[in-house]
Amino acid sequence: MSLFASAQSRHENKAKTPRVSATNSIYRPWLQPMLWSLVVLVVILSMWRLNQALAVSQWEIQAEQGLKQQIDDFLSQQEHMDFWSSRASVLQTQLFAAIPDIQDVEVRRVLPDGLFVQAVGRVPLALWTDSQGQAVMLLDYKANAYRALKAGEAVDLPVMRLPKADLQHALKLLRLLQVDEKRMSALSEVIVEGQRWRLNFGHGEQWQLHVSNLEQDLQRIMHILEQSRWNSAYWRMDARIPQRWFIRPAMQGVI
């Protein structure tokens, strides 16, 4: 190839090479961020629309009637029921916090716009108040004082008048008494005054025990009163002195 032909070829190749204008080199660095911003905006808008489209508009609740009404009222009062706000884990946490009567609850989303709630209520075992005049609280089988008794709420349960530290002992006594349904239904109060525990029943029956031997003494009292000699009447049982117990007829009326 001649020198002239080689020079001509290089000239043609140089002519084919595109030139970048000064204008393009200035604005190109801004183009990519703008495109990314647009993509992000489109994604956010799409997610927002999907979040609204999957908002809860109906629900089914399986629970006993009183608890079912509380859950329905709670859901009806929620301002935001879009998909993000109505996630099962979020609603489950909120229901536990808002409704103390719930023992256990399961929440499931039913797409596109439904919600399923299954709840089990706490079963109160007794009422509790301490010696400081605290509000009367409902007490469950784990010794949790989970909410105050509402005004006008009628609950036929024994009242525990004792320090919070003694609740576990009191519940053990209740479990022992539950062996005898008749006696358990007659129990009206459990009162703790220092080392003395007093159990008041109907018909003026009263048992007094010492804190040092509560459960064993209670079992012995129940065994004694099951005997034919004692089981046909109501008694005042004083077991505070381990070596000497007193059994007297109960006085009719409230103690």
C-alpha atoms as a PDB file:
ATOM      1  CA  MET A   1       0.000   0.000   0.000  1.00  0.00           C
ATOM      2  CA  SER A   2       1.353   3.387  -0.918  1.00  0.00           C
ATOM      3  CA  LEU A   3       2.095   6.062   1.594  1.00  0.00           C
ATOM      4  CA  PHE A   4      -0.563   8.230  -0.003  1.00  0.00           C
ATOM      5  CA  ALA A   5      -3.233   5.490   0.314  1.00  0.00           C
ATOM      6  CA  SER A   6      -2.376   4.928   3.977  1.00  0.00           C
ATOM      7  CA  ALA A   7      -2.687   8.585   4.796  1.00  0.00           C
ATOM      8  CA  GLN A   8      -5.988   8.775   2.976  1.00  0.00           C
ATOM      9  CA  SER A   9      -7.342   5.745   4.946  1.00  0.00           C
ATOM     10  CA  ARG A  10      -6.409   7.343   8.271  1.00  0.00           C
ATOM     11  CA  HIS A  11      -8.125  10.528   7.211  1.00  0.00           C
ATOM     12  CA  GLU A  12     -11.344   8.652   6.351  1.00  0.00           C
ATOM     13  CA  ASN A  13     -11.349   6.768   9.690  1.00  0.00           C
ATOM     14  CA  LYS A  14     -10.899   9.989  11.597  1.00  0.00           C
ATOM     15  CA  ALA A  15     -13.775  11.480   9.662  1.00  0.00           C
ATOM     16  CA  LYS A  16     -16.067   8.570  10.690  1.00  0.00           C
ATOM     17  CA  THR A  17     -15.325   8.985  14.412  1.00  0.00           C
ATOM     18  CA  PRO A  18     -18.264  10.884  16.043  1.00  0.00           C
ATOM     19  CA  ARG A  19     -17.405  14.043  17.780  1.00  0.00           C
ATOM     20  CA  VAL A  20     -18.827  14.849  21.219  1.00  0.00           C
ATOM     21  CA  SER A  21     -20.161  18.329  21.321  1.00  0.00           C
ATOM     22  CA  ALA A  22     -19.364  20.611  24.199  1.00  0.00           C
ATOM     23  CA  THR A  23     -23.084  20.892  24.946  1.00  0.00           C
ATOM     24  CA  ASN A  24     -23.546  17.093  25.390  1.00  0.00           C
ATOM     25  CA  SER A  25     -20.512  16.795  27.637  1.00  0.00           C
ATOM     26  CA  ILE A  26     -21.982  19.455  29.941  1.00  0.00           C
ATOM     27  CA  TYR A  27     -25.515  17.970  30.386  1.00  0.00           C
ATOM     28  CA  ARG A  28     -24.859  14.230  30.282  1.00  0.00           C
ATOM     29  CA  PRO A  29     -23.828  13.959  34.018  1.00  0.00           C
ATOM     30  CA  TRP A  30     -27.298  15.252  34.994  1.00  0.00           C
ATOM     31  CA  LEU A  31     -29.218  12.873  32.755  1.00  0.00           C
ATOM     32  CA  GLN A  32     -28.645   9.640  34.646  1.00  0.00           C
ATOM     33  CA  PRO A  33     -29.680  10.983  38.107  1.00  0.00           C
ATOM     34  CA  MET A  34     -32.818  12.457  36.547  1.00  0.00           C
ATOM     35  CA  LEU A  35     -33.732   9.114  35.003  1.00  0.00           C
ATOM     36  CA  TRP A  36     -33.131   7.288  38.287  1.00  0.00           C
ATOM     37  CA  SER A  37     -35.249   9.824  40.141  1.00  0.00           C
ATOM     38  CA  LEU A  38     -38.044   9.283  37.655  1.00  0.00           C
ATOM     39  CA  VAL A  39     -37.843   5.496  38.069  1.00  0.00           C
ATOM     40  CA  VAL A  40     -37.883   5.807  41.875  1.00  0.00           C
ATOM     41  CA  LEU A  41     -40.877   8.143  41.707  1.00  0.00           C
ATOM     42  CA  VAL A  42     -42.784   5.712  39.494  1.00  0.00           C
ATOM     43  CA  VAL A  43     -41.994   2.798  41.840  1.00  0.00           C
ATOM     44  CA  ILE A  44     -43.072   4.775  44.929  1.00  0.00           C
ATOM     45  CA  LEU A  45     -46.297   5.859  43.270  1.00  0.00           C
ATOM     46  CA  SER A  46     -47.053   2.276  42.211  1.00  0.00           C
ATOM     47  CA  MET A  47     -46.397   0.963  45.721  1.00  0.00           C
ATOM     48  CA  TRP A  48     -48.577   3.674  47.252  1.00  0.00           C
ATOM     49  CA  ARG A  49     -51.447   2.824  44.911  1.00  0.00           C
ATOM     50  CA  LEU A  50     -51.058  -0.897  45.664  1.00  0.00           C
ATOM     51  CA  ASN A  51     -50.943  -0.148  49.400  1.00  0.00           C
ATOM     52  CA  GLN A  52     -54.251   1.726  49.135  1.00  0.00           C
ATOM     53  CA  ALA A  53     -55.814  -0.879  46.845  1.00  0.00           C
ATOM     54  CA  LEU A  54     -55.158  -3.609  49.455  1.00  0.00           C
ATOM     55  CA  ALA A  55     -56.664  -1.626  52.345  1.00  0.00           C
ATOM     56  CA  VAL A  56     -58.956  -3.551  54.729  1.00  0.00           C
ATOM     57  CA  SER A  57     -62.649  -2.917  54.159  1.00  0.00           C
ATOM     58  CA  GLN A  58     -64.190  -5.976  55.812  1.00  0.00           C
ATOM     59  CA  TRP A  59     -63.345  -8.457  58.559  1.00  0.00           C
ATOM     60  CA  GLU A  60     -64.502 -11.625  60.251  1.00  0.00           C
ATOM     61  CA  ILE A  61     -64.070 -12.132  64.000  1.00  0.00           C
ATOM     62  CA  GLN A  62     -64.302 -15.396  65.889  1.00  0.00           C
ATOM     63  CA  ALA A  63     -64.557 -14.829  69.655  1.00  0.00           C
ATOM     64  CA  GLU A  64     -67.118 -14.881  72.455  1.00  0.00           C
ATOM     65  CA  GLN A  65     -69.671 -12.102  72.084  1.00  0.00           C
ATOM     66  CA  GLY A  66     -68.312  -9.544  74.551  1.00  0.00           C
ATOM     67  CA  LEU A  67     -64.763  -9.859  73.247  1.00  0.00           C
ATOM     68  CA  LYS A  68     -65.959  -9.893  69.640  1.00  0.00           C
ATOM     69  CA  GLN A  69     -67.686  -6.542  70.162  1.00  0.00           C
ATOM     70  CA  GLN A  70     -64.539  -5.005  71.661  1.00  0.00           C
ATOM     71  CA  ILE A  71     -62.435  -6.139  68.687  1.00  0.00           C
ATOM     72  CA  ASP A  72     -65.031  -4.902  66.197  1.00  0.00           C
ATOM     73  CA  ASP A  73     -65.119  -1.497  67.910  1.00  0.00           C
ATOM     74  CA  PHE A  74     -61.321  -1.319  67.844  1.00  0.00           C
ATOM     75  CA  LEU A  75     -61.105  -2.091  64.114  1.00  0.00           C
ATOM     76  CA  SER A  76     -63.927   0.335  63.291  1.00  0.00           C
ATOM     77  CA  GLN A  77     -62.092   3.174  65.035  1.00  0.00           C
ATOM     78  CA  GLN A  78     -58.819   2.733  63.144  1.00  0.00           C
ATOM     79  CA  GLU A  79     -58.050   5.722  60.910  1.00  0.00           C
ATOM     80  CA  HIS A  80     -55.540   3.885  58.707  1.00  0.00           C
ATOM     81  CA  MET A  81     -56.345   0.410  57.429  1.00  0.00           C
ATOM     82  CA  ASP A  82     -54.127   0.377  54.324  1.00  0.00           C
ATOM     83  CA  PHE A  83     -52.021  -2.714  53.682  1.00  0.00           C
ATOM     84  CA  TRP A  84     -48.961  -1.458  55.572  1.00  0.00           C
ATOM     85  CA  SER A  85     -50.930  -0.344  58.635  1.00  0.00           C
ATOM     86  CA  SER A  86     -53.046  -3.510  58.749  1.00  0.00           C
ATOM     87  CA  ARG A  87     -50.273  -6.084  58.642  1.00  0.00           C
ATOM     88  CA  ALA A  88     -51.159  -9.066  60.822  1.00  0.00           C
ATOM     89  CA  SER A  89     -48.234  -8.577  63.225  1.00  0.00           C
ATOM     90  CA  VAL A  90     -49.029  -4.879  63.674  1.00  0.00           C
ATOM     91  CA  LEU A  91     -52.733  -5.414  64.392  1.00  0.00           C
ATOM     92  CA  GLN A  92     -52.005  -8.324  66.715  1.00  0.00           C
ATOM     93  CA  THR A  93     -49.687  -6.156  68.839  1.00  0.00           C
ATOM     94  CA  GLN A  94     -52.216  -3.313  68.871  1.00  0.00           C
ATOM     95  CA  LEU A  95     -55.079  -5.605  69.911  1.00  0.00           C
ATOM     96  CA  PHE A  96     -53.102  -7.007  72.847  1.00  0.00           C
ATOM     97  CA  ALA A  97     -52.292  -3.477  73.998  1.00  0.00           C
ATOM     98  CA  ALA A  98     -55.795  -2.041  73.512  1.00  0.00           C
ATOM     99  CA  ILE A  99     -57.951  -4.905  74.847  1.00  0.00           C
ATOM    100  CA  PRO A 100     -56.688  -6.406  78.141  1.00  0.00           C
ATOM    101  CA  ASP A 101     -59.442  -9.051  78.052  1.00  0.00           C
ATOM    102  CA  ILE A 102     -57.612 -10.855  75.219  1.00  0.00           C
ATOM    103  CA  GLN A 103     -55.687 -13.928  76.333  1.00  0.00           C
ATOM    104  CA  ASP A 104     -54.593 -14.944  72.836  1.00  0.00           C
ATOM    105  CA  VAL A 105     -55.277 -13.617  69.342  1.00  0.00           C
ATOM    106  CA  GLU A 106     -54.460 -14.611  65.776  1.00  0.00           C
ATOM    107  CA  VAL A 107     -54.750 -12.122  62.900  1.00  0.00           C
ATOM    108  CA  ARG A 108     -54.598 -13.039  59.198  1.00  0.00           C
ATOM    109  CA  ARG A 109     -54.927 -10.889  56.087  1.00  0.00           C
ATOM    110  CA  VAL A 110     -57.350 -12.210  53.469  1.00  0.00           C
ATOM    111  CA  LEU A 111     -56.419 -10.543  50.187  1.00  0.00           C
ATOM    112  CA  PRO A 112     -57.411  -8.288  48.612  1.00  0.00           C
ATOM    113  CA  ASP A 113     -59.324  -6.401  51.335  1.00  0.00           C
ATOM    114  CA  GLY A 114     -60.274  -8.835  54.120  1.00  0.00           C
ATOM    115  CA  LEU A 115     -59.140  -9.568  57.644  1.00  0.00           C
ATOM    116  CA  PHE A 116     -59.677 -12.621  59.860  1.00  0.00           C
ATOM    117  CA  VAL A 117     -59.336 -12.356  63.644  1.00  0.00           C
ATOM    118  CA  GLN A 118     -59.634 -15.272  66.069  1.00  0.00           C
ATOM    119  CA  ALA A 119     -59.363 -14.435  69.769  1.00  0.00           C
ATOM    120  CA  VAL A 120     -59.619 -16.182  73.123  1.00  0.00           C
ATOM    121  CA  GLY A 121     -60.587 -14.132  76.169  1.00  0.00           C
ATOM    122  CA  ARG A 122     -59.060 -14.219  79.617  1.00  0.00           C
ATOM    123  CA  VAL A 123     -61.059 -16.081  82.239  1.00  0.00           C
ATOM    124  CA  PRO A 124     -61.038 -14.079  85.494  1.00  0.00           C
ATOM    125  CA  LEU A 125     -60.481 -16.218  88.552  1.00  0.00           C
ATOM    126  CA  ALA A 126     -60.969 -13.579  91.218  1.00  0.00           C
ATOM    127  CA  LEU A 127     -61.025  -9.858  91.965  1.00  0.00           C
ATOM    128  CA  TRP A 128     -58.063  -8.182  93.630  1.00  0.00           C
ATOM    129  CA  THR A 129     -57.406  -4.990  95.535  1.00  0.00           C
ATOM    130  CA  ASP A 130     -54.579  -4.121  97.885  1.00  0.00           C
ATOM    131  CA  SER A 131     -54.723  -2.491 101.294  1.00  0.00           C
ATOM    132  CA  GLN A 132     -53.949   0.933  99.793  1.00  0.00           C
ATOM    133  CA  GLY A 133     -57.396   1.308  98.276  1.00  0.00           C
ATOM    134  CA  GLN A 134     -56.358   0.519  94.720  1.00  0.00           C
ATOM    135  CA  ALA A 135     -59.131  -0.021  92.182  1.00  0.00           C
ATOM    136  CA  VAL A 136     -60.625  -3.515  92.096  1.00  0.00           C
ATOM    137  CA  MET A 137     -58.874  -5.488  89.354  1.00  0.00           C
ATOM    138  CA  LEU A 138     -59.758  -8.661  87.467  1.00  0.00           C
ATOM    139  CA  LEU A 139     -57.262 -11.423  88.197  1.00  0.00           C
ATOM    140  CA  ASP A 140     -56.480 -14.306  85.817  1.00  0.00           C
ATOM    141  CA  TYR A 141     -55.111 -17.784  86.530  1.00  0.00           C
ATOM    142  CA  LYS A 142     -51.507 -16.544  86.148  1.00  0.00           C
ATOM    143  CA  ALA A 143     -52.002 -13.933  88.893  1.00  0.00           C
ATOM    144  CA  ASN A 144     -52.096 -11.098  86.341  1.00  0.00           C
ATOM    145  CA  ALA A 145     -54.257  -8.191  87.491  1.00  0.00           C
ATOM    146  CA  TYR A 146     -55.075  -7.268  83.909  1.00  0.00           C
ATOM    147  CA  ARG A 147     -57.711  -4.535  84.144  1.00  0.00           C
ATOM    148  CA  ALA A 148     -59.891  -2.572  86.536  1.00  0.00           C
ATOM    149  CA  LEU A 149     -63.465  -3.606  87.128  1.00  0.00           C
ATOM    150  CA  LYS A 150     -65.711  -1.324  85.083  1.00  0.00           C
ATOM    151  CA  ALA A 151     -68.462   0.745  86.660  1.00  0.00           C
ATOM    152  CA  GLY A 152     -71.641  -1.306  86.780  1.00  0.00           C
ATOM    153  CA  GLU A 153     -69.860  -4.507  85.762  1.00  0.00           C
ATOM    154  CA  ALA A 154     -71.288  -7.418  87.758  1.00  0.00           C
ATOM    155  CA  VAL A 155     -68.781 -10.210  88.398  1.00  0.00           C
ATOM    156  CA  ASP A 156     -69.573 -12.955  90.891  1.00  0.00           C
ATOM    157  CA  LEU A 157     -66.027 -13.762  92.020  1.00  0.00           C
ATOM    158  CA  PRO A 158     -64.233 -13.804  95.377  1.00  0.00           C
ATOM    159  CA  VAL A 159     -62.343 -10.644  96.312  1.00  0.00           C
ATOM    160  CA  MET A 160     -58.665 -10.850  97.249  1.00  0.00           C
ATOM    161  CA  ARG A 161     -57.750  -8.098  99.695  1.00  0.00           C
ATOM    162  CA  LEU A 162     -53.998  -8.543 100.015  1.00  0.00           C
ATOM    163  CA  PRO A 163     -50.589  -7.213  98.904  1.00  0.00           C
ATOM    164  CA  LYS A 164     -49.591  -7.968  95.336  1.00  0.00           C
ATOM    165  CA  ALA A 165     -46.669 -10.073  96.564  1.00  0.00           C
ATOM    166  CA  ASP A 166     -49.155 -12.595  98.051  1.00  0.00           C
ATOM    167  CA  LEU A 167     -51.192 -13.161  94.883  1.00  0.00           C
ATOM    168  CA  GLN A 168     -49.403 -16.371  93.904  1.00  0.00           C
ATOM    169  CA  HIS A 169     -50.144 -17.887  97.345  1.00  0.00           C
ATOM    170  CA  ALA A 170     -53.758 -16.780  97.082  1.00  0.00           C
ATOM    171  CA  LEU A 171     -54.198 -18.449  93.705  1.00  0.00           C
ATOM    172  CA  LYS A 172     -52.792 -21.707  95.088  1.00  0.00           C
ATOM    173  CA  LEU A 173     -55.466 -21.568  97.784  1.00  0.00           C
ATOM    174  CA  LEU A 174     -58.141 -21.009  95.153  1.00  0.00           C
ATOM    175  CA  ARG A 175     -56.960 -23.999  93.134  1.00  0.00           C
ATOM    176  CA  LEU A 176     -57.192 -26.173  96.235  1.00  0.00           C
ATOM    177  CA  LEU A 177     -60.692 -24.907  96.963  1.00  0.00           C
ATOM    178  CA  GLN A 178     -61.794 -25.581  93.385  1.00  0.00           C
ATOM    179  CA  VAL A 179     -61.734 -29.300  94.230  1.00  0.00           C
ATOM    180  CA  ASP A 180     -64.922 -28.565  96.173  1.00  0.00           C
ATOM    181  CA  GLU A 181     -67.126 -26.580  93.783  1.00  0.00           C
ATOM    182  CA  LYS A 182     -69.756 -25.875  96.424  1.00  0.00           C
ATOM    183  CA  ARG A 183     -67.242 -24.407  98.846  1.00  0.00           C
ATOM    184  CA  MET A 184     -65.496 -22.453  96.079  1.00  0.00           C
ATOM    185  CA  SER A 185     -68.794 -20.889  95.003  1.00  0.00           C
ATOM    186  CA  ALA A 186     -69.437 -19.863  98.634  1.00  0.00           C
ATOM    187  CA  LEU A 187     -66.081 -18.053  98.996  1.00  0.00           C
ATOM    188  CA  SER A 188     -66.561 -14.278  99.103  1.00  0.00           C
ATOM    189  CA  GLU A 189     -63.258 -12.830 100.383  1.00  0.00           C
ATOM    190  CA  VAL A 190     -59.637 -13.663 101.065  1.00  0.00           C
ATOM    191  CA  ILE A 191     -58.135 -11.086 103.420  1.00  0.00           C
ATOM    192  CA  VAL A 192     -54.474 -10.856 104.440  1.00  0.00           C
ATOM    193  CA  GLU A 193     -53.529  -8.921 107.545  1.00  0.00           C
ATOM    194  CA  GLY A 194     -49.855  -9.408 108.315  1.00  0.00           C
ATOM    195  CA  GLN A 195     -49.252 -13.082 109.140  1.00  0.00           C
ATOM    196  CA  ARG A 196     -52.956 -13.901 109.279  1.00  0.00           C
ATOM    197  CA  TRP A 197     -55.013 -15.058 106.311  1.00  0.00           C
ATOM    198  CA  ARG A 198     -58.790 -14.991 106.613  1.00  0.00           C
ATOM    199  CA  LEU A 199     -61.171 -16.734 104.217  1.00  0.00           C
ATOM    200  CA  ASN A 200     -64.798 -15.613 104.418  1.00  0.00           C
ATOM    201  CA  PHE A 201     -67.534 -17.810 102.965  1.00  0.00           C
ATOM    202  CA  GLY A 202     -71.303 -17.590 102.818  1.00  0.00           C
ATOM    203  CA  HIS A 203     -73.475 -18.243 105.877  1.00  0.00           C
ATOM    204  CA  GLY A 204     -70.879 -16.660 108.155  1.00  0.00           C
ATOM    205  CA  GLU A 205     -68.348 -19.462 107.669  1.00  0.00           C
ATOM    206  CA  GLN A 206     -64.791 -18.277 108.227  1.00  0.00           C
ATOM    207  CA  TRP A 207     -61.360 -19.922 108.196  1.00  0.00           C
ATOM    208  CA  GLN A 208     -58.306 -18.285 109.756  1.00  0.00           C
ATOM    209  CA  LEU A 209     -54.823 -19.530 108.870  1.00  0.00           C
ATOM    210  CA  HIS A 210     -51.213 -18.580 109.563  1.00  0.00           C
ATOM    211  CA  VAL A 211     -48.974 -17.633 106.640  1.00  0.00           C
ATOM    212  CA  SER A 212     -46.292 -20.157 107.609  1.00  0.00           C
ATOM    213  CA  ASN A 213     -48.328 -23.239 106.647  1.00  0.00           C
ATOM    214  CA  LEU A 214     -51.069 -22.056 104.350  1.00  0.00           C
ATOM    215  CA  GLU A 215     -51.525 -24.846 101.843  1.00  0.00           C
ATOM    216  CA  GLN A 216     -51.093 -27.760 104.244  1.00  0.00           C
ATOM    217  CA  ASP A 217     -53.486 -26.254 106.792  1.00  0.00           C
ATOM    218  CA  LEU A 218     -56.063 -25.537 104.118  1.00  0.00           C
ATOM    219  CA  GLN A 219     -55.959 -29.140 102.936  1.00  0.00           C
ATOM    220  CA  ARG A 220     -56.321 -30.391 106.527  1.00  0.00           C
ATOM    221  CA  ILE A 221     -59.312 -28.101 107.133  1.00  0.00           C
ATOM    222  CA  MET A 222     -61.029 -29.369 103.992  1.00  0.00           C
ATOM    223  CA  HIS A 223     -60.369 -32.946 105.058  1.00  0.00           C
ATOM    224  CA  ILE A 224     -61.839 -32.327 108.520  1.00  0.00           C
ATOM    225  CA  LEU A 225     -64.965 -30.660 107.185  1.00  0.00           C
ATOM    226  CA  GLU A 226     -65.592 -33.519 104.777  1.00  0.00           C
ATOM    227  CA  GLN A 227     -66.152 -35.857 107.736  1.00  0.00           C
ATOM    228  CA  SER A 228     -69.761 -36.680 108.558  1.00  0.00           C
ATOM    229  CA  ARG A 229     -69.392 -35.114 112.007  1.00  0.00           C
ATOM    230  CA  TRP A 230     -68.748 -31.680 110.467  1.00  0.00           C
ATOM    231  CA  ASN A 231     -70.064 -31.586 106.921  1.00  0.00           C
ATOM    232  CA  SER A 232     -73.677 -30.706 107.709  1.00  0.00           C
ATOM    233  CA  ALA A 233     -73.036 -27.265 109.261  1.00  0.00           C
ATOM    234  CA  TYR A 234     -71.045 -24.044 108.837  1.00  0.00           C
ATOM    235  CA  TRP A 235     -68.015 -23.311 111.010  1.00  0.00           C
ATOM    236  CA  ARG A 236     -65.457 -20.807 112.125  1.00  0.00           C
ATOM    237  CA  MET A 237     -62.117 -22.569 111.841  1.00  0.00           C
ATOM    238  CA  ASP A 238     -59.118 -20.958 113.571  1.00  0.00           C
ATOM    239  CA  ALA A 239     -55.844 -22.666 112.656  1.00  0.00           C
ATOM    240  CA  ARG A 240     -53.438 -19.857 113.481  1.00  0.00           C
ATOM    241  CA  ILE A 241     -51.926 -21.775 116.413  1.00  0.00           C
ATOM    242  CA  PRO A 242     -50.348 -24.978 114.989  1.00  0.00           C
ATOM    243  CA  GLN A 243     -50.696 -26.958 118.235  1.00  0.00           C
ATOM    244  CA  ARG A 244     -54.289 -26.016 118.953  1.00  0.00           C
ATOM    245  CA  TRP A 245     -57.121 -25.495 116.470  1.00  0.00           C
ATOM    246  CA  PHE A 246     -60.541 -24.037 117.298  1.00  0.00           C
ATOM    247  CA  ILE A 247     -63.784 -25.004 115.567  1.00  0.00           C
ATOM    248  CA  ARG A 248     -66.948 -23.095 116.433  1.00  0.00           C
ATOM    249  CA  PRO A 249     -70.370 -22.816 114.821  1.00  0.00           C
ATOM    250  CA  ALA A 250     -70.573 -19.951 112.348  1.00  0.00           C
ATOM    251  CA  MET A 251     -72.865 -17.028 113.051  1.00  0.00           C
ATOM    252  CA  GLN A 252     -75.442 -16.325 110.387  1.00  0.00           C
ATOM    253  CA  GLY A 253     -74.869 -13.128 108.435  1.00  0.00           C
ATOM    254  CA  VAL A 254     -71.929 -11.330 106.993  1.00  0.00           C
ATOM    255  CA  ILE A 255     -68.645 -11.230 108.913  1.00  0.00           C
END
